[in-house]
Protein backbone atom coordinates (compact mmCIF):
# COMPACT_ATOMS: atom_id res chain seq x y z
CA MET A 1 24.32 7.48 11.84
CA THR A 2 24.91 11.05 12.60
CA ASP A 3 21.31 12.36 12.24
CA ALA A 4 19.68 13.23 15.35
CA TRP A 5 16.79 11.34 16.58
CA PRO A 6 13.55 13.24 17.03
CA GLU A 7 12.13 13.35 20.30
CA ARG A 8 8.72 14.37 19.09
CA PRO A 9 6.95 13.93 15.50
CA PHE A 10 7.90 16.68 13.12
CA ALA A 11 5.99 20.01 13.66
CA ILE A 12 2.69 20.05 12.01
CA LEU A 13 2.75 22.34 8.86
CA ARG A 14 -0.54 24.17 8.84
CA VAL A 15 -1.98 25.49 5.59
CA ARG A 16 -3.09 28.69 7.05
CA ASP A 17 0.26 29.69 8.39
CA LEU A 18 1.48 29.74 4.44
CA PRO A 19 1.05 32.74 2.24
CA PRO A 20 -1.91 33.19 0.44
CA ALA A 21 -0.69 32.60 -2.76
CA ARG A 22 0.67 29.35 -1.69
CA GLN A 23 -2.65 28.57 0.28
CA ALA A 24 -4.37 28.84 -3.22
CA GLU A 25 -1.84 26.67 -4.95
CA LEU A 26 -2.21 24.12 -2.46
CA ARG A 27 -6.22 24.22 -2.53
CA ARG A 28 -5.86 23.96 -6.64
CA LEU A 29 -3.47 20.79 -6.22
CA HIS A 30 -5.93 19.07 -3.85
CA GLN A 31 -8.80 19.23 -6.44
CA PRO A 32 -9.66 15.66 -6.94
CA ASN A 33 -10.01 14.92 -10.76
CA PRO A 34 -12.52 11.86 -11.25
CA TRP A 35 -11.48 10.95 -14.68
CA TRP A 36 -8.11 9.72 -13.21
CA ASN A 37 -9.79 7.44 -11.32
CA LEU A 38 -10.30 5.33 -14.68
CA LYS A 39 -6.93 4.14 -14.18
CA ILE A 40 -8.57 1.32 -12.25
CA LEU A 41 -10.42 0.15 -15.61
CA VAL A 42 -6.98 0.23 -17.17
CA PHE A 43 -5.34 -1.82 -14.57
CA ALA A 44 -8.28 -4.47 -14.78
CA LEU A 45 -8.05 -4.46 -18.92
CA ILE A 46 -4.22 -5.05 -18.48
CA TRP A 47 -4.72 -7.72 -15.75
CA ILE A 48 -7.24 -9.53 -18.14
CA ALA A 49 -5.04 -9.21 -21.24
CA ALA A 50 -1.98 -10.43 -19.57
CA ALA A 51 -3.55 -13.39 -17.75
CA MET A 52 -5.34 -14.46 -21.11
CA LEU A 53 -1.62 -14.24 -22.64
CA ALA A 54 -0.08 -16.35 -19.72
CA LEU A 55 -3.07 -18.93 -20.47
CA ARG A 56 -2.59 -19.33 -24.07
CA VAL A 57 1.33 -19.08 -24.32
CA GLU A 58 3.45 -21.65 -22.59
CA THR A 59 6.62 -19.96 -22.95
CA LEU A 60 8.19 -19.37 -19.40
CA ALA A 61 9.60 -15.72 -20.80
CA VAL A 62 6.01 -14.60 -21.95
CA ARG A 63 4.42 -15.91 -18.73
CA LEU A 64 7.06 -14.25 -16.50
CA ALA A 65 6.55 -11.03 -18.31
CA CYS A 66 2.72 -11.50 -17.77
CA TYR A 67 3.24 -12.22 -14.47
CA PHE A 68 5.38 -9.16 -13.87
CA LEU A 69 2.86 -7.00 -15.48
CA ILE A 70 -0.20 -8.18 -13.43
CA GLY A 71 1.92 -7.93 -10.54
CA ALA A 72 2.48 -4.26 -11.37
CA THR A 73 -1.30 -3.73 -11.91
CA ILE A 74 -2.00 -5.55 -8.40
CA GLN A 75 0.63 -2.79 -7.00
CA GLY A 76 -0.85 0.12 -9.00
CA LEU A 77 -4.45 -0.70 -7.40
CA VAL A 78 -2.65 -0.76 -3.55
CA ILE A 79 -1.26 2.74 -4.76
CA LEU A 80 -4.70 3.58 -5.46
CA MET A 81 -6.17 2.45 -2.35
CA HIS A 82 -3.45 4.64 -0.52
CA GLU A 83 -4.77 7.66 -2.26
CA ALA A 84 -8.48 6.55 -0.94
CA VAL A 85 -7.08 6.20 2.66
CA HIS A 86 -5.83 9.83 2.09
CA GLY A 87 -9.08 10.93 0.74
CA ILE A 88 -8.00 12.12 -2.56
CA MET A 89 -9.66 9.71 -4.92
CA PHE A 90 -13.29 11.10 -4.39
CA ARG A 91 -14.66 14.15 -2.28
CA ASP A 92 -17.02 11.65 -0.88
CA ARG A 93 -15.70 9.53 2.01
CA ARG A 94 -17.90 6.43 1.30
CA LEU A 95 -16.60 6.48 -2.10
CA ASN A 96 -12.71 6.73 -1.07
CA ARG A 97 -13.72 3.67 1.53
CA TRP A 98 -15.38 1.50 -0.68
CA VAL A 99 -13.41 1.87 -4.16
CA GLY A 100 -10.20 1.97 -1.96
CA PHE A 101 -11.50 -1.65 -0.49
CA ILE A 102 -11.98 -2.68 -3.96
CA CYS A 103 -8.59 -1.60 -4.82
CA GLY A 104 -7.13 -3.56 -1.95
CA VAL A 105 -9.04 -6.69 -2.52
CA PRO A 106 -6.24 -8.39 -5.37
CA ALA A 107 -3.49 -7.37 -2.54
CA LEU A 108 -5.82 -8.90 0.15
CA LEU A 109 -5.71 -5.85 2.07
CA SER A 110 -8.74 -4.33 4.27
CA VAL A 111 -8.64 -0.74 3.73
CA SER A 112 -9.68 0.08 7.12
CA ALA A 113 -7.08 -1.86 8.62
CA TYR A 114 -4.67 -0.33 6.49
CA ARG A 115 -5.84 3.03 7.43
CA MET A 116 -5.40 2.18 10.81
CA GLY A 117 -1.75 1.26 10.10
CA HIS A 118 -0.38 3.93 7.73
CA LEU A 119 -1.92 7.31 8.95
CA PRO A 120 0.43 6.93 12.14
CA HIS A 121 3.30 6.72 9.89
CA HIS A 122 2.45 10.10 8.51
CA ARG A 123 1.71 11.49 11.75
CA TYR A 124 4.78 10.22 13.27
CA GLU A 125 7.19 10.35 10.22
CA ARG A 126 10.49 8.74 11.44
CA SER A 127 10.23 9.13 14.98
CA HIS A 128 9.84 6.43 17.89
CA ARG A 129 6.28 6.01 17.04
CA ASP A 130 6.42 5.95 13.19
CA PRO A 131 5.10 1.82 12.78
CA ASP A 132 7.11 1.56 9.68
CA GLU A 133 10.45 3.06 10.87
CA LEU A 134 13.01 0.26 10.41
CA GLU A 135 15.43 1.76 12.90
CA ASN A 136 13.12 1.65 15.79
CA PHE A 137 14.01 -2.07 15.80
CA SER A 138 17.73 -1.09 16.17
CA ARG A 139 20.29 1.50 15.19
CA ASN A 140 23.35 -1.13 14.90
CA PRO A 141 24.32 -0.91 11.24
CA ARG A 142 24.95 -4.69 11.22
CA VAL A 143 21.21 -5.47 12.67
CA LEU A 144 19.96 -2.96 10.22
CA ALA A 145 21.88 -4.70 7.37
CA VAL A 146 20.12 -7.97 8.18
CA LEU A 147 16.43 -6.09 8.60
CA PHE A 148 16.91 -4.50 5.17
CA GLY A 149 17.80 -7.79 3.85
CA LEU A 150 14.82 -9.30 5.33
CA THR A 151 12.42 -6.35 4.01
CA PHE A 152 13.89 -6.57 0.61
CA MET A 153 13.06 -10.49 0.54
CA ALA A 154 9.84 -10.62 2.88
CA GLY A 155 9.08 -7.14 4.05
CA GLU A 156 5.51 -7.46 2.63
CA LEU A 157 4.66 -10.53 4.84
CA PHE A 158 5.69 -8.95 7.80
CA GLY A 159 3.60 -5.78 6.93
CA PHE A 160 0.97 -7.50 6.25
CA HIS A 161 0.31 -8.41 9.85
CA ARG A 162 0.46 -4.80 10.82
CA VAL A 163 -1.61 -3.77 8.36
CA GLY A 164 -3.73 -6.56 7.79
CA PHE A 165 -5.33 -8.97 10.60
CA GLY A 166 -3.16 -7.57 13.21
CA ASN A 167 -5.42 -4.13 12.94
CA ALA A 168 -8.52 -6.17 13.46
CA PHE A 169 -7.72 -5.88 17.28
CA ARG A 170 -6.90 -2.44 17.43
CA GLY A 171 -8.70 0.98 17.18
CA LYS A 172 -12.06 1.85 17.92
CA PRO A 173 -15.06 -0.99 17.74
CA ALA A 174 -16.53 0.66 15.12
CA GLU A 175 -13.31 0.42 13.34
CA ARG A 176 -12.63 -3.21 14.53
CA ARG A 177 -16.00 -3.81 13.10
CA ASP A 178 -15.22 -2.60 9.73
CA VAL A 179 -11.78 -4.55 9.33
CA LEU A 180 -13.49 -7.59 10.16
CA ILE A 181 -16.39 -7.26 7.73
CA GLU A 182 -13.95 -6.46 4.93
CA TYR A 183 -11.92 -9.32 5.75
CA ALA A 184 -14.83 -11.36 5.58
CA ILE A 185 -15.79 -10.13 2.30
CA ILE A 186 -12.28 -10.57 0.81
CA VAL A 187 -12.41 -14.24 2.44
CA THR A 188 -15.52 -14.94 0.59
CA VAL A 189 -14.42 -13.44 -2.82
CA PHE A 190 -11.29 -15.79 -2.67
CA ALA A 191 -13.30 -18.62 -1.79
CA ALA A 192 -15.53 -18.22 -4.53
CA ALA A 193 -12.73 -17.67 -6.89
CA ILE A 194 -11.07 -20.90 -5.79
CA ALA A 195 -14.23 -22.74 -6.37
CA PHE A 196 -15.42 -21.38 -9.48
CA LEU A 197 -12.24 -20.94 -11.35
CA PRO A 198 -10.21 -23.35 -12.93
CA GLY A 199 -7.05 -23.83 -11.00
CA ARG A 200 -5.03 -22.96 -13.88
CA VAL A 201 -6.67 -19.57 -14.34
CA PHE A 202 -6.43 -18.94 -10.40
CA LEU A 203 -2.59 -19.89 -10.33
CA HIS A 204 -1.51 -18.20 -13.53
CA GLY A 205 -3.84 -14.93 -13.01
CA TRP A 206 -3.31 -14.51 -9.46
CA VAL A 207 -1.20 -16.82 -7.51
CA PHE A 208 2.00 -16.33 -9.46
CA PRO A 209 1.55 -12.47 -10.01
CA ALA A 210 0.68 -11.76 -6.81
CA LEU A 211 4.83 -12.77 -5.84
CA PHE A 212 5.67 -10.18 -8.16
CA ALA A 213 3.23 -7.76 -6.43
CA ARG A 214 4.85 -8.45 -3.03
CA GLN A 215 8.27 -7.96 -3.99
CA LEU A 216 7.61 -4.88 -5.97
CA THR A 217 6.29 -3.58 -2.59
CA ASN A 218 8.97 -4.65 -0.89
CA VAL A 219 11.23 -2.59 -3.43
CA ARG A 220 8.92 0.52 -3.25
CA THR A 221 9.02 0.52 0.68
CA LEU A 222 12.62 0.57 1.02
CA ALA A 223 13.24 3.22 -1.65
CA GLU A 224 10.63 5.59 -0.23
CA HIS A 225 11.52 5.84 3.36
CA VAL A 226 13.93 3.46 4.77
CA LEU A 227 17.41 5.13 5.99
CA THR A 228 16.45 8.69 5.24
CA GLY A 229 17.24 11.58 7.07
CA HIS A 230 15.73 12.58 10.46
CA GLU A 231 16.54 16.27 10.60
CA HIS A 232 13.54 17.47 8.69
CA ARG A 233 10.24 15.99 7.43
CA LEU A 234 11.18 17.02 3.82
CA ALA A 235 14.29 14.55 4.16
CA ALA A 236 12.13 11.67 5.57
CA THR A 237 11.29 10.47 2.44
CA ARG A 238 12.53 10.12 -1.21
């Protein structure tokens, strides 16, 4: 471990400090393109087709491929929820909130809880205050190796508490209310699914694919930020 640990978060790079040409380029890149949001419908169609195939074909290899495909769509929806949290799916804040919420439901995630747990990660990236920083637990290489393995195998289970129910007791009263409301809706949706869908549809259409989605999240989490550099914001992510 040779990187210097930052005493404070990286300095915030303000757009107004950039040259005019770069400012214009950034404004152009930050223009929302509503057509890209149709990916949600594409994910839904892939999910339905893969679920129908898994239900009709009992071959294990086919079913595993379908589970992986559905898991990837769940992961894709979570990534879209992430975009909504940063306000870049729509110009309208309410659309970002509720479309982001819908995208998070298959992963059992409240978009408001995710926002409360995730934005500090960007604000304090790779510092002592970064809630996603693995090295905040230990800088011992052996301990980090164990934590790396645990994150790879079950990181999403540990992270779910931080970006899920754990955040229901943090933040301002209005934020706590939003988290509780969203989780009440999620619980209702899944209770209805269990009550009205045939058991095999629920198992092959969500339960088994969700296991793949969790593992994909673990891999993505490790690949993006874990054990990167501390010396500069641009070295803090892959």
